[in-house]
PDB file of N, CA and C in Angstrom:
ATOM      1  N   UNK A   1      -0.918   3.791   7.749  1.00  0.00           N
ATOM      2  CA  UNK A   1      -0.240   3.659   9.027  1.00  0.00           C
ATOM      3  C   UNK A   1      -0.198   2.183   9.428  1.00  0.00           C
ATOM      4  N   UNK A   2       0.952   1.763   9.893  1.00  0.00           N
ATOM      5  CA  UNK A   2       1.057   0.413  10.435  1.00  0.00           C
ATOM      6  C   UNK A   2       0.564   0.465  11.874  1.00  0.00           C
ATOM      7  N   UNK A   3      -0.668   0.065  12.084  1.00  0.00           N
ATOM      8  CA  UNK A   3      -1.278   0.112  13.414  1.00  0.00           C
ATOM      9  C   UNK A   3      -0.989  -1.141  14.225  1.00  0.00           C
ATOM     10  N   UNK A   4      -0.232  -2.076  13.652  1.00  0.00           N
ATOM     11  CA  UNK A   4       0.084  -3.313  14.353  1.00  0.00           C
ATOM     12  C   UNK A   4       1.254  -3.149  15.308  1.00  0.00           C
ATOM     13  N   UNK A   5       1.534  -4.208  16.040  1.00  0.00           N
ATOM     14  CA  UNK A   5       2.618  -4.197  17.030  1.00  0.00           C
ATOM     15  C   UNK A   5       3.934  -4.713  16.459  1.00  0.00           C
ATOM     16  N   UNK A   6       3.943  -5.126  15.197  1.00  0.00           N
ATOM     17  CA  UNK A   6       5.158  -5.663  14.594  1.00  0.00           C
ATOM     18  C   UNK A   6       5.402  -5.008  13.229  1.00  0.00           C
ATOM     19  N   UNK A   7       6.640  -4.997  12.777  1.00  0.00           N
ATOM     20  CA  UNK A   7       6.917  -4.436  11.452  1.00  0.00           C
ATOM     21  C   UNK A   7       6.252  -5.278  10.365  1.00  0.00           C
ATOM     22  N   UNK A   8       5.964  -4.642   9.245  1.00  0.00           N
ATOM     23  CA  UNK A   8       5.480  -5.357   8.062  1.00  0.00           C
ATOM     24  C   UNK A   8       6.506  -5.136   6.953  1.00  0.00           C
ATOM     25  N   UNK A   9       6.672  -6.141   6.109  1.00  0.00           N
ATOM     26  CA  UNK A   9       7.723  -6.122   5.104  1.00  0.00           C
ATOM     27  C   UNK A   9       7.175  -6.023   3.686  1.00  0.00           C
ATOM     28  N   UNK A  10       8.019  -5.512   2.807  1.00  0.00           N
ATOM     29  CA  UNK A  10       7.742  -5.458   1.370  1.00  0.00           C
ATOM     30  C   UNK A  10       6.396  -4.815   1.067  1.00  0.00           C
ATOM     31  N   UNK A  11       6.110  -3.698   1.729  1.00  0.00           N
ATOM     32  CA  UNK A  11       4.849  -2.984   1.507  1.00  0.00           C
ATOM     33  C   UNK A  11       4.883  -2.365   0.107  1.00  0.00           C
ATOM     34  N   UNK A  12       3.814  -2.593  -0.637  1.00  0.00           N
ATOM     35  CA  UNK A  12       3.713  -2.004  -1.970  1.00  0.00           C
ATOM     36  C   UNK A  12       2.304  -1.490  -2.191  1.00  0.00           C
ATOM     37  N   UNK A  13       2.202  -0.438  -3.010  1.00  0.00           N
ATOM     38  CA  UNK A  13       0.921   0.182  -3.312  1.00  0.00           C
ATOM     39  C   UNK A  13       0.732   0.176  -4.819  1.00  0.00           C
ATOM     40  N   UNK A  14      -0.446  -0.228  -5.252  1.00  0.00           N
ATOM     41  CA  UNK A  14      -0.786  -0.237  -6.671  1.00  0.00           C
ATOM     42  C   UNK A  14      -2.040   0.605  -6.878  1.00  0.00           C
ATOM     43  N   UNK A  15      -2.010   1.420  -7.924  1.00  0.00           N
ATOM     44  CA  UNK A  15      -3.162   2.268  -8.254  1.00  0.00           C
ATOM     45  C   UNK A  15      -3.665   1.914  -9.637  1.00  0.00           C
ATOM     46  N   UNK A  16      -4.968   1.803  -9.781  1.00  0.00           N
ATOM     47  CA  UNK A  16      -5.544   1.413 -11.062  1.00  0.00           C
ATOM     48  C   UNK A  16      -5.387   2.489 -12.130  1.00  0.00           C
ATOM     49  N   UNK A  17      -5.171   3.737 -11.726  1.00  0.00           N
ATOM     50  CA  UNK A  17      -5.077   4.824 -12.700  1.00  0.00           C
ATOM     51  C   UNK A  17      -3.637   5.212 -13.031  1.00  0.00           C
ATOM     52  N   UNK A  18      -2.664   4.475 -12.535  1.00  0.00           N
ATOM     53  CA  UNK A  18      -1.260   4.825 -12.746  1.00  0.00           C
ATOM     54  C   UNK A  18      -0.797   4.360 -14.127  1.00  0.00           C
ATOM     55  N   UNK A  19       0.184   5.066 -14.639  1.00  0.00           N
ATOM     56  CA  UNK A  19       0.798   4.644 -15.892  1.00  0.00           C
ATOM     57  C   UNK A  19       1.588   3.362 -15.625  1.00  0.00           C
ATOM     58  N   UNK A  20       1.892   2.581 -16.652  1.00  0.00           N
ATOM     59  CA  UNK A  20       2.639   1.331 -16.430  1.00  0.00           C
ATOM     60  C   UNK A  20       3.956   1.540 -15.677  1.00  0.00           C
ATOM     61  N   UNK A  21       4.616   2.659 -15.892  1.00  0.00           N
ATOM     62  CA  UNK A  21       5.886   2.924 -15.204  1.00  0.00           C
ATOM     63  C   UNK A  21       5.687   3.195 -13.713  1.00  0.00           C
ATOM     64  N   UNK A  22       4.506   3.679 -13.327  1.00  0.00           N
ATOM     65  CA  UNK A  22       4.221   4.037 -11.937  1.00  0.00           C
ATOM     66  C   UNK A  22       3.189   3.117 -11.294  1.00  0.00           C
ATOM     67  N   UNK A  23       2.952   1.970 -11.910  1.00  0.00           N
ATOM     68  CA  UNK A  23       1.894   1.081 -11.444  1.00  0.00           C
ATOM     69  C   UNK A  23       2.104   0.609 -10.011  1.00  0.00           C
ATOM     70  N   UNK A  24       3.351   0.325  -9.634  1.00  0.00           N
ATOM     71  CA  UNK A  24       3.650  -0.170  -8.289  1.00  0.00           C
ATOM     72  C   UNK A  24       4.592   0.800  -7.592  1.00  0.00           C
ATOM     73  N   UNK A  25       4.235   1.185  -6.384  1.00  0.00           N
ATOM     74  CA  UNK A  25       5.081   2.038  -5.550  1.00  0.00           C
ATOM     75  C   UNK A  25       5.560   1.186  -4.384  1.00  0.00           C
ATOM     76  N   UNK A  26       6.854   0.928  -4.324  1.00  0.00           N
ATOM     77  CA  UNK A  26       7.407   0.069  -3.267  1.00  0.00           C
ATOM     78  C   UNK A  26       7.784   0.911  -2.058  1.00  0.00           C
ATOM     79  N   UNK A  27       7.180   0.613  -0.916  1.00  0.00           N
ATOM     80  CA  UNK A  27       7.465   1.349   0.316  1.00  0.00           C
ATOM     81  C   UNK A  27       8.441   0.610   1.213  1.00  0.00           C
ATOM     82  N   UNK A  28       8.650  -0.677   0.995  1.00  0.00           N
ATOM     83  CA  UNK A  28       9.589  -1.440   1.825  1.00  0.00           C
ATOM     84  C   UNK A  28       9.006  -1.801   3.178  1.00  0.00           C
ATOM     85  N   UNK A  29       9.859  -1.820   4.193  1.00  0.00           N
ATOM     86  CA  UNK A  29       9.415  -2.185   5.536  1.00  0.00           C
ATOM     87  C   UNK A  29       8.800  -0.982   6.236  1.00  0.00           C
ATOM     88  N   UNK A  30       7.720  -1.223   6.978  1.00  0.00           N
ATOM     89  CA  UNK A  30       7.100  -0.195   7.804  1.00  0.00           C
ATOM     90  C   UNK A  30       7.091  -0.671   9.242  1.00  0.00           C
ATOM     91  N   UNK A  31       7.613   0.152  10.115  1.00  0.00           N
ATOM     92  CA  UNK A  31       7.657  -0.156  11.542  1.00  0.00           C
ATOM     93  C   UNK A  31       6.318   0.169  12.192  1.00  0.00           C
ATOM     94  N   UNK A  32       6.042  -0.376  13.384  1.00  0.00           N
ATOM     95  CA  UNK A  32       4.804  -0.042  14.089  1.00  0.00           C
ATOM     96  C   UNK A  32       4.679   1.476  14.268  1.00  0.00           C
ATOM     97  N   UNK A  33       3.493   1.984  14.048  1.00  0.00           N
ATOM     98  CA  UNK A  33       3.136   3.401  14.163  1.00  0.00           C
ATOM     99  C   UNK A  33       3.726   4.268  13.051  1.00  0.00           C
ATOM    100  N   UNK A  34       4.446   3.679  12.122  1.00  0.00           N
ATOM    101  CA  UNK A  34       4.974   4.457  10.992  1.00  0.00           C
ATOM    102  C   UNK A  34       3.855   4.674   9.973  1.00  0.00           C
ATOM    103  N   UNK A  35       3.824   5.858   9.382  1.00  0.00           N
ATOM    104  CA  UNK A  35       2.803   6.145   8.386  1.00  0.00           C
ATOM    105  C   UNK A  35       3.429   6.806   7.165  1.00  0.00           C
ATOM    106  N   UNK A  36       2.784   6.614   6.040  1.00  0.00           N
ATOM    107  CA  UNK A  36       3.187   7.213   4.774  1.00  0.00           C
ATOM    108  C   UNK A  36       1.922   7.725   4.109  1.00  0.00           C
ATOM    109  N   UNK A  37       2.022   8.884   3.487  1.00  0.00           N
ATOM    110  CA  UNK A  37       0.866   9.444   2.803  1.00  0.00           C
ATOM    111  C   UNK A  37       0.860   9.014   1.344  1.00  0.00           C
ATOM    112  N   UNK A  38      -0.312   8.745   0.845  1.00  0.00           N
ATOM    113  CA  UNK A  38      -0.515   8.412  -0.553  1.00  0.00           C
ATOM    114  C   UNK A  38      -1.267   9.561  -1.198  1.00  0.00           C
ATOM    115  N   UNK A  39      -0.630  10.235  -2.139  1.00  0.00           N
ATOM    116  CA  UNK A  39      -1.262  11.366  -2.810  1.00  0.00           C
ATOM    117  C   UNK A  39      -2.045  10.857  -4.014  1.00  0.00           C
ATOM    118  N   UNK A  40      -3.306  11.151  -4.039  1.00  0.00           N
ATOM    119  CA  UNK A  40      -4.146  10.824  -5.183  1.00  0.00           C
ATOM    120  C   UNK A  40      -4.423  12.071  -6.007  1.00  0.00           C
ATOM    121  N   UNK A  41      -3.511  13.021  -5.928  1.00  0.00           N
ATOM    122  CA  UNK A  41      -3.629  14.279  -6.661  1.00  0.00           C
ATOM    123  C   UNK A  41      -3.740  13.994  -8.156  1.00  0.00           C
ATOM    124  N   UNK A  42      -4.674  14.631  -8.792  1.00  0.00           N
ATOM    125  CA  UNK A  42      -4.850  14.461 -10.230  1.00  0.00           C
ATOM    126  C   UNK A  42      -5.608  13.202 -10.606  1.00  0.00           C
ATOM    127  N   UNK A  43      -5.999  12.412  -9.630  1.00  0.00           N
ATOM    128  CA  UNK A  43      -6.745  11.181  -9.911  1.00  0.00           C
ATOM    129  C   UNK A  43      -8.237  11.476  -9.966  1.00  0.00           C
ATOM    130  N   UNK A  44      -8.935  10.733 -10.769  1.00  0.00           N
ATOM    131  CA  UNK A  44     -10.389  10.797 -10.786  1.00  0.00           C
ATOM    132  C   UNK A  44     -10.866   9.875  -9.660  1.00  0.00           C
ATOM    133  N   UNK A  45     -11.235  10.451  -8.523  1.00  0.00           N
ATOM    134  CA  UNK A  45     -11.508   9.665  -7.319  1.00  0.00           C
ATOM    135  C   UNK A  45     -12.650   8.671  -7.470  1.00  0.00           C
ATOM    136  N   UNK A  46     -13.558   8.913  -8.405  1.00  0.00           N
ATOM    137  CA  UNK A  46     -14.654   7.967  -8.615  1.00  0.00           C
ATOM    138  C   UNK A  46     -14.197   6.715  -9.362  1.00  0.00           C
ATOM    139  N   UNK A  47     -13.016   6.775  -9.968  1.00  0.00           N
ATOM    140  CA  UNK A  47     -12.552   5.671 -10.800  1.00  0.00           C
ATOM    141  C   UNK A  47     -11.338   4.929 -10.268  1.00  0.00           C
ATOM    142  N   UNK A  48     -10.630   5.488  -9.298  1.00  0.00           N
ATOM    143  CA  UNK A  48      -9.368   4.890  -8.861  1.00  0.00           C
ATOM    144  C   UNK A  48      -9.607   3.774  -7.836  1.00  0.00           C
ATOM    145  N   UNK A  49      -8.848   2.682  -8.002  1.00  0.00           N
ATOM    146  CA  UNK A  49      -8.832   1.580  -7.045  1.00  0.00           C
ATOM    147  C   UNK A  49      -7.412   1.488  -6.499  1.00  0.00           C
ATOM    148  N   UNK A  50      -7.270   1.469  -5.175  1.00  0.00           N
ATOM    149  CA  UNK A  50      -5.959   1.406  -4.530  1.00  0.00           C
ATOM    150  C   UNK A  50      -5.817   0.027  -3.873  1.00  0.00           C
ATOM    151  N   UNK A  51      -4.674  -0.598  -4.092  1.00  0.00           N
ATOM    152  CA  UNK A  51      -4.385  -1.883  -3.475  1.00  0.00           C
ATOM    153  C   UNK A  51      -3.083  -1.756  -2.693  1.00  0.00           C
ATOM    154  N   UNK A  52      -3.117  -2.123  -1.423  1.00  0.00           N
ATOM    155  CA  UNK A  52      -1.921  -2.123  -0.579  1.00  0.00           C
ATOM    156  C   UNK A  52      -1.666  -3.576  -0.177  1.00  0.00           C
ATOM    157  N   UNK A  53      -0.420  -4.017  -0.367  1.00  0.00           N
ATOM    158  CA  UNK A  53      -0.054  -5.393  -0.022  1.00  0.00           C
ATOM    159  C   UNK A  53       1.184  -5.367   0.872  1.00  0.00           C
ATOM    160  N   UNK A  54       1.271  -6.354   1.785  1.00  0.00           N
ATOM    161  CA  UNK A  54       2.413  -6.443   2.693  1.00  0.00           C
ATOM    162  C   UNK A  54       2.551  -7.866   3.208  1.00  0.00           C
ATOM    163  N   UNK A  55       3.714  -8.156   3.761  1.00  0.00           N
ATOM    164  CA  UNK A  55       3.985  -9.457   4.377  1.00  0.00           C
ATOM    165  C   UNK A  55       4.201  -9.255   5.869  1.00  0.00           C
ATOM    166  N   UNK A  56       3.689 -10.182   6.660  1.00  0.00           N
ATOM    167  CA  UNK A  56       3.930 -10.174   8.098  1.00  0.00           C
ATOM    168  C   UNK A  56       5.041 -11.161   8.399  1.00  0.00           C
ATOM    169  N   UNK A  57       5.975 -10.758   9.254  1.00  0.00           N
ATOM    170  CA  UNK A  57       7.108 -11.607   9.600  1.00  0.00           C
ATOM    171  C   UNK A  57       6.665 -12.871  10.328  1.00  0.00           C
ATOM    172  N   UNK A  58       5.620 -12.763  11.110  1.00  0.00           N
ATOM    173  CA  UNK A  58       5.178 -13.883  11.949  1.00  0.00           C
ATOM    174  C   UNK A  58       4.770 -15.104  11.133  1.00  0.00           C
ATOM    175  N   UNK A  59       4.044 -14.895  10.028  1.00  0.00           N
ATOM    176  CA  UNK A  59       3.542 -16.046   9.280  1.00  0.00           C
ATOM    177  C   UNK A  59       4.012 -16.087   7.830  1.00  0.00           C
ATOM    178  N   UNK A  60       4.648 -15.020   7.351  1.00  0.00           N
ATOM    179  CA  UNK A  60       5.163 -15.006   5.989  1.00  0.00           C
ATOM    180  C   UNK A  60       4.097 -14.912   4.912  1.00  0.00           C
ATOM    181  N   UNK A  61       2.844 -14.700   5.308  1.00  0.00           N
ATOM    182  CA  UNK A  61       1.754 -14.590   4.343  1.00  0.00           C
ATOM    183  C   UNK A  61       1.660 -13.177   3.787  1.00  0.00           C
ATOM    184  N   UNK A  62       1.175 -13.071   2.558  1.00  0.00           N
ATOM    185  CA  UNK A  62       0.940 -11.748   1.977  1.00  0.00           C
ATOM    186  C   UNK A  62      -0.498 -11.337   2.299  1.00  0.00           C
ATOM    187  N   UNK A  63      -0.646 -10.124   2.779  1.00  0.00           N
ATOM    188  CA  UNK A  63      -1.954  -9.554   3.082  1.00  0.00           C
ATOM    189  C   UNK A  63      -2.231  -8.464   2.058  1.00  0.00           C
ATOM    190  N   UNK A  64      -3.495  -8.341   1.656  1.00  0.00           N
ATOM    191  CA  UNK A  64      -3.867  -7.377   0.630  1.00  0.00           C
ATOM    192  C   UNK A  64      -5.113  -6.632   1.084  1.00  0.00           C
ATOM    193  N   UNK A  65      -5.060  -5.319   0.929  1.00  0.00           N
ATOM    194  CA  UNK A  65      -6.226  -4.465   1.233  1.00  0.00           C
ATOM    195  C   UNK A  65      -6.497  -3.669  -0.015  1.00  0.00           C
ATOM    196  N   UNK A  66      -7.672  -3.863  -0.606  1.00  0.00           N
ATOM    197  CA  UNK A  66      -8.055  -3.169  -1.834  1.00  0.00           C
ATOM    198  C   UNK A  66      -9.275  -2.329  -1.533  1.00  0.00           C
ATOM    199  N   UNK A  67      -9.232  -1.063  -1.993  1.00  0.00           N
ATOM    200  CA  UNK A  67     -10.369  -0.184  -1.699  1.00  0.00           C
ATOM    201  C   UNK A  67     -10.544   0.869  -2.775  1.00  0.00           C
ATOM    202  N   UNK A  68     -11.744   1.441  -2.802  1.00  0.00           N
ATOM    203  CA  UNK A  68     -12.048   2.574  -3.669  1.00  0.00           C
ATOM    204  C   UNK A  68     -12.295   3.768  -2.759  1.00  0.00           C
ATOM    205  N   UNK A  69     -12.060   4.934  -3.310  1.00  0.00           N
ATOM    206  CA  UNK A  69     -12.210   6.159  -2.516  1.00  0.00           C
ATOM    207  C   UNK A  69     -13.648   6.609  -2.529  1.00  0.00           C
TER     208      UNK A  69
END
């Protein structure tokens, strides 16, 4: 969920357990309060690492959030 007050651009999700063809999932722009679900169905939750990256319009910097389940 975009909990911020401004849209975020070029949102992408990367999963460590994805095949090369599915390594990056591009979500595009997310508006404030917009949410998207990420299904980890079939994943070995002890082994998967999820990385979400996005750009903020205000500063043009890329932000990255990496986590394990």
